[in-house]
Amino acid sequence: MIALVGSSLAVPATAAADTGGAGLTSPPAPTHKTQAPNSGSSLTQPITTEPGNTVVSATGNGITVSAQTSALLRRVLTFTGNAPGDAGQTIEIERSGHQTDWEWTPTVTATVEPGGAFTTSWNTDHIGQFSIRAVLDSSLAQPATVTQSMTVTVYLPSVASWYGPTLFGHGTACGETLSKHILGVANKTLPCGENVALYYDGRTLTVPVIDRGPYVKGRSYDLTYATAKALGTLTAGVATIGAVSLPTAP
């Protein structure tokens, strides 16, 4: 099962290896026109994954709030912090992102304890990459006190396979040429070129949609060879990863 264990986010591999299912080897791509990523983009640049289980913090006006950078949908994400001298007052954790139409939206609240510490948990009910901030409620005579923002990503657990070696040199449904080094994923519905944040075994990587597929029931993504190698899913073949698309802010 997928679970938060201590301070680590674990997405275990699924048994059975399989490397098929992308648009190149499956039913024809959709007939509607899609926008391909820019030619000569960073798809084949050196691969750099980022740690996914780190803690990020935001501060401002004497308040500090911290949380893990990664969480899974319907799991607990805990916020801790400090607001010295404000015991008994309410801290509101707010988020902003595509899911909130880029508006600041109340998420959870906490009460400041004697000594200034506070803690609260969000049972994540939306996926997305969110800006997070803490707001200290004030009286009507004074404006609320707000921290700077930090970024937290909530991923959807998704089954993913990988593909590539027998298809290197072939064109993808989004106008790219598949190769050993190209980064990207195949997905049946997301727009070509849209970035997708991926999480697996403590590593995160953001890559674009470059193809259509997979066409195997129960699978949401097909990773290119380079993407699977960077994340560490080559051996697993088929794995449960965290994934979330990252639409561009208006």
Protein backbone atom coordinates (compact mmCIF):
# COMPACT_ATOMS: atom_id res chain seq x y z
CA MET A 1 0.00 0.00 0.00
CA ILE A 2 1.09 3.58 -0.53
CA ALA A 3 1.71 5.31 2.76
CA LEU A 4 3.54 8.07 4.54
CA VAL A 5 6.04 6.35 6.81
CA GLY A 6 7.61 8.63 9.39
CA SER A 7 8.93 11.55 7.38
CA SER A 8 9.23 9.58 4.13
CA LEU A 9 6.83 9.33 1.23
CA ALA A 10 6.90 5.79 -0.12
CA VAL A 11 5.55 4.74 -3.51
CA PRO A 12 6.29 1.01 -3.83
CA ALA A 13 6.88 -0.73 -7.12
CA THR A 14 4.19 -2.98 -8.56
CA ALA A 15 5.08 -6.55 -9.35
CA ALA A 16 5.59 -7.70 -12.96
CA ALA A 17 7.72 -6.06 -15.59
CA ASP A 18 6.33 -4.79 -18.88
CA THR A 19 7.66 -2.19 -21.28
CA GLY A 20 4.80 -1.83 -23.74
CA GLY A 21 1.75 0.34 -24.07
CA ALA A 22 2.77 3.69 -25.57
CA GLY A 23 1.12 5.36 -28.53
CA LEU A 24 3.89 4.20 -30.87
CA THR A 25 2.88 0.57 -30.49
CA SER A 26 -0.83 0.92 -29.83
CA PRO A 27 -4.06 2.21 -31.42
CA PRO A 28 -3.68 5.39 -33.50
CA ALA A 29 -3.30 8.68 -31.69
CA PRO A 30 -6.39 10.90 -31.37
CA THR A 31 -7.30 12.76 -34.55
CA HIS A 32 -7.67 16.17 -32.89
CA LYS A 33 -4.79 18.55 -33.43
CA THR A 34 -2.27 18.86 -30.60
CA GLN A 35 0.54 21.30 -30.01
CA ALA A 36 3.94 19.64 -29.98
CA PRO A 37 6.70 20.79 -27.62
CA ASN A 38 9.20 23.23 -29.05
CA SER A 39 11.77 21.50 -31.20
CA GLY A 40 15.21 21.54 -29.63
CA SER A 41 13.73 21.87 -26.14
CA SER A 42 15.28 20.60 -22.91
CA LEU A 43 13.92 17.10 -23.49
CA THR A 44 17.41 15.69 -23.93
CA GLN A 45 19.31 17.88 -21.48
CA PRO A 46 21.28 16.22 -18.61
CA ILE A 47 18.85 14.49 -16.28
CA THR A 48 18.57 15.89 -12.77
CA THR A 49 16.13 14.47 -10.26
CA GLU A 50 15.30 16.30 -7.06
CA PRO A 51 14.81 14.79 -3.60
CA GLY A 52 11.12 14.35 -2.89
CA ASN A 53 11.09 13.91 0.87
CA THR A 54 12.65 17.18 1.94
CA VAL A 55 11.08 19.78 4.21
CA VAL A 56 10.38 23.29 2.95
CA SER A 57 9.68 26.38 5.04
CA ALA A 58 8.22 29.85 4.62
CA THR A 59 8.77 32.77 6.96
CA GLY A 60 7.58 36.32 7.37
CA ASN A 61 6.52 38.80 10.02
CA GLY A 62 7.84 36.59 12.80
CA ILE A 63 5.95 33.48 11.65
CA THR A 64 7.48 30.27 10.28
CA VAL A 65 5.62 27.35 8.69
CA SER A 66 7.14 24.08 7.44
CA ALA A 67 5.94 20.94 5.62
CA GLN A 68 7.21 18.16 3.37
CA THR A 69 7.54 19.14 -0.26
CA SER A 70 5.69 16.02 -1.47
CA ALA A 71 2.44 14.35 -0.48
CA LEU A 72 0.04 11.80 -1.93
CA LEU A 73 -3.65 12.34 -2.50
CA ARG A 74 -5.82 11.35 0.49
CA ARG A 75 -2.82 11.15 2.80
CA VAL A 76 -1.96 13.42 5.72
CA LEU A 77 0.30 16.42 5.14
CA THR A 78 1.39 18.01 8.41
CA PHE A 79 2.23 21.69 8.86
CA THR A 80 4.28 22.85 11.82
CA GLY A 81 5.53 26.27 12.75
CA ASN A 82 6.02 29.03 15.24
CA ALA A 83 4.40 32.38 15.88
CA PRO A 84 6.06 33.79 19.03
CA GLY A 85 3.91 35.83 21.36
CA ASP A 86 0.60 34.94 19.72
CA ALA A 87 -0.66 32.09 21.96
CA GLY A 88 -4.34 31.33 21.47
CA GLN A 89 -4.61 33.00 18.09
CA THR A 90 -5.58 31.16 14.92
CA ILE A 91 -3.15 30.34 12.14
CA GLU A 92 -4.76 29.64 8.77
CA ILE A 93 -2.87 27.65 6.16
CA GLU A 94 -3.82 28.79 2.65
CA ARG A 95 -3.01 27.33 -0.76
CA SER A 96 -2.99 28.71 -4.29
CA GLY A 97 -2.71 26.83 -7.59
CA HIS A 98 -4.52 25.63 -10.68
CA GLN A 99 -7.13 23.82 -8.56
CA THR A 100 -8.00 27.09 -6.76
CA ASP A 101 -7.91 29.22 -9.94
CA TRP A 102 -4.70 30.73 -8.58
CA GLU A 103 -6.60 32.35 -5.70
CA TRP A 104 -5.59 31.97 -2.05
CA THR A 105 -7.95 29.43 -0.49
CA PRO A 106 -8.27 28.38 3.20
CA THR A 107 -6.98 24.83 3.72
CA VAL A 108 -6.64 24.07 7.45
CA THR A 109 -6.31 26.03 10.70
CA ALA A 110 -4.23 25.69 13.85
CA THR A 111 -4.18 27.33 17.27
CA VAL A 112 -0.94 28.88 18.48
CA GLU A 113 0.17 27.19 21.71
CA PRO A 114 1.95 28.86 24.64
CA GLY A 115 5.53 29.35 23.50
CA GLY A 116 4.40 30.03 19.94
CA ALA A 117 4.37 26.56 18.37
CA PHE A 118 1.53 25.31 16.20
CA THR A 119 0.77 22.15 14.23
CA THR A 120 -2.07 21.07 11.97
CA SER A 121 -2.72 18.41 9.33
CA TRP A 122 -4.39 18.46 5.93
CA ASN A 123 -5.99 15.27 4.63
CA THR A 124 -5.09 16.12 1.05
CA ASP A 125 -8.24 16.21 -1.06
CA HIS A 126 -6.84 17.76 -4.25
CA ILE A 127 -3.80 17.09 -6.41
CA GLY A 128 -1.63 19.87 -7.75
CA GLN A 129 1.43 21.98 -7.15
CA PHE A 130 0.47 24.57 -4.59
CA SER A 131 1.93 27.72 -3.14
CA ILE A 132 1.39 27.53 0.62
CA ARG A 133 1.41 30.33 3.16
CA ALA A 134 0.44 30.86 6.81
CA VAL A 135 -1.86 33.69 7.85
CA LEU A 136 -2.22 34.86 11.45
CA ASP A 137 -5.72 36.17 12.10
CA SER A 138 -5.76 39.67 13.54
CA SER A 139 -8.38 42.01 14.91
CA LEU A 140 -10.54 44.10 12.63
CA ALA A 141 -8.34 47.08 13.48
CA GLN A 142 -5.20 45.37 12.16
CA PRO A 143 -4.51 43.51 8.90
CA ALA A 144 -3.71 39.80 8.96
CA THR A 145 -0.05 38.81 9.26
CA VAL A 146 1.14 36.69 6.33
CA THR A 147 4.28 34.66 5.62
CA GLN A 148 6.00 34.33 2.27
CA SER A 149 4.95 31.28 0.26
CA MET A 150 6.50 27.84 -0.22
CA THR A 151 5.77 25.13 -2.80
CA VAL A 152 4.19 21.77 -1.98
CA THR A 153 3.14 19.14 -4.54
CA VAL A 154 0.30 16.68 -4.01
CA TYR A 155 0.58 13.66 -6.34
CA LEU A 156 -2.00 11.18 -7.59
CA PRO A 157 -0.86 7.55 -7.16
CA SER A 158 -0.70 6.27 -10.76
CA VAL A 159 0.36 3.04 -12.46
CA ALA A 160 3.12 3.62 -15.00
CA SER A 161 5.10 1.42 -17.40
CA TRP A 162 8.01 2.40 -19.64
CA TYR A 163 8.89 1.97 -23.31
CA GLY A 164 11.49 2.80 -25.90
CA PRO A 165 14.38 0.55 -27.00
CA THR A 166 12.65 -1.08 -29.97
CA LEU A 167 11.18 2.26 -31.04
CA PHE A 168 14.18 4.59 -30.91
CA GLY A 169 14.25 6.74 -34.04
CA HIS A 170 10.48 6.66 -34.50
CA GLY A 171 8.31 9.76 -34.26
CA THR A 172 5.93 10.25 -31.36
CA ALA A 173 2.32 11.40 -31.50
CA CYS A 174 3.45 14.86 -30.33
CA GLY A 175 6.07 15.39 -33.02
CA GLU A 176 9.21 14.34 -31.15
CA THR A 177 11.71 11.66 -32.15
CA LEU A 178 12.06 8.92 -29.56
CA SER A 179 15.62 8.25 -28.41
CA LYS A 180 17.56 6.77 -25.51
CA HIS A 181 18.00 10.21 -23.97
CA ILE A 182 14.64 11.88 -24.47
CA LEU A 183 12.68 12.77 -21.34
CA GLY A 184 8.91 12.59 -21.38
CA VAL A 185 5.76 10.60 -20.80
CA ALA A 186 2.93 9.21 -22.89
CA ASN A 187 -0.61 9.98 -21.73
CA LYS A 188 -3.94 9.55 -23.48
CA THR A 189 -5.51 12.92 -22.64
CA LEU A 190 -3.06 15.55 -21.37
CA PRO A 191 -2.00 18.18 -23.94
CA CYS A 192 1.26 17.62 -25.77
CA GLY A 193 3.99 19.65 -24.12
CA GLU A 194 2.25 19.96 -20.74
CA ASN A 195 4.63 19.29 -17.87
CA VAL A 196 4.00 16.39 -15.50
CA ALA A 197 5.64 16.14 -12.08
CA LEU A 198 6.62 12.56 -11.17
CA TYR A 199 7.57 11.02 -7.82
CA TYR A 200 9.09 7.61 -7.11
CA ASP A 201 11.25 6.17 -4.34
CA GLY A 202 12.26 9.54 -2.92
CA ARG A 203 13.01 11.17 -6.28
CA THR A 204 11.07 13.74 -8.27
CA LEU A 205 11.35 14.71 -11.92
CA THR A 206 9.28 17.01 -14.15
CA VAL A 207 8.96 16.07 -17.84
CA PRO A 208 6.61 16.98 -20.74
CA VAL A 209 3.94 14.90 -22.43
CA ILE A 210 5.47 13.75 -25.74
CA ASP A 211 3.30 10.83 -26.82
CA ARG A 212 -0.09 9.11 -26.56
CA GLY A 213 -0.73 5.99 -24.47
CA PRO A 214 -0.51 3.69 -22.64
CA TYR A 215 -3.28 1.52 -24.02
CA VAL A 216 -3.14 -1.14 -21.32
CA LYS A 217 -6.05 -1.12 -18.88
CA GLY A 218 -5.20 0.27 -15.47
CA ARG A 219 -2.11 2.23 -16.56
CA SER A 220 -2.03 6.03 -16.67
CA TYR A 221 1.45 6.82 -18.00
CA ASP A 222 4.19 5.34 -20.15
CA LEU A 223 7.61 6.73 -19.25
CA THR A 224 10.37 7.03 -21.82
CA TYR A 225 13.50 4.98 -21.21
CA ALA A 226 15.44 8.01 -19.94
CA THR A 227 12.62 9.03 -17.60
CA ALA A 228 12.25 5.54 -16.14
CA LYS A 229 16.02 5.28 -15.71
CA ALA A 230 16.19 8.60 -13.86
CA LEU A 231 13.30 7.72 -11.53
CA GLY A 232 14.49 4.16 -10.95
CA THR A 233 11.56 2.23 -12.44
CA LEU A 234 13.47 0.36 -15.16
CA THR A 235 13.83 -2.76 -13.04
CA ALA A 236 10.25 -2.68 -11.80
CA GLY A 237 8.88 -2.37 -15.34
CA VAL A 238 5.42 -1.45 -14.07
CA ALA A 239 5.33 0.68 -10.93
CA THR A 240 3.00 2.82 -8.88
CA ILE A 241 4.34 6.36 -8.98
CA GLY A 242 3.07 9.77 -7.92
CA ALA A 243 2.07 11.97 -10.87
CA VAL A 244 0.37 15.31 -11.40
CA SER A 245 0.13 17.61 -14.41
CA LEU A 246 1.31 21.20 -14.03
CA PRO A 247 -0.84 23.57 -16.11
CA THR A 248 0.67 26.99 -16.65
CA ALA A 249 -0.68 29.87 -14.59
CA PRO A 250 -2.58 32.49 -16.62
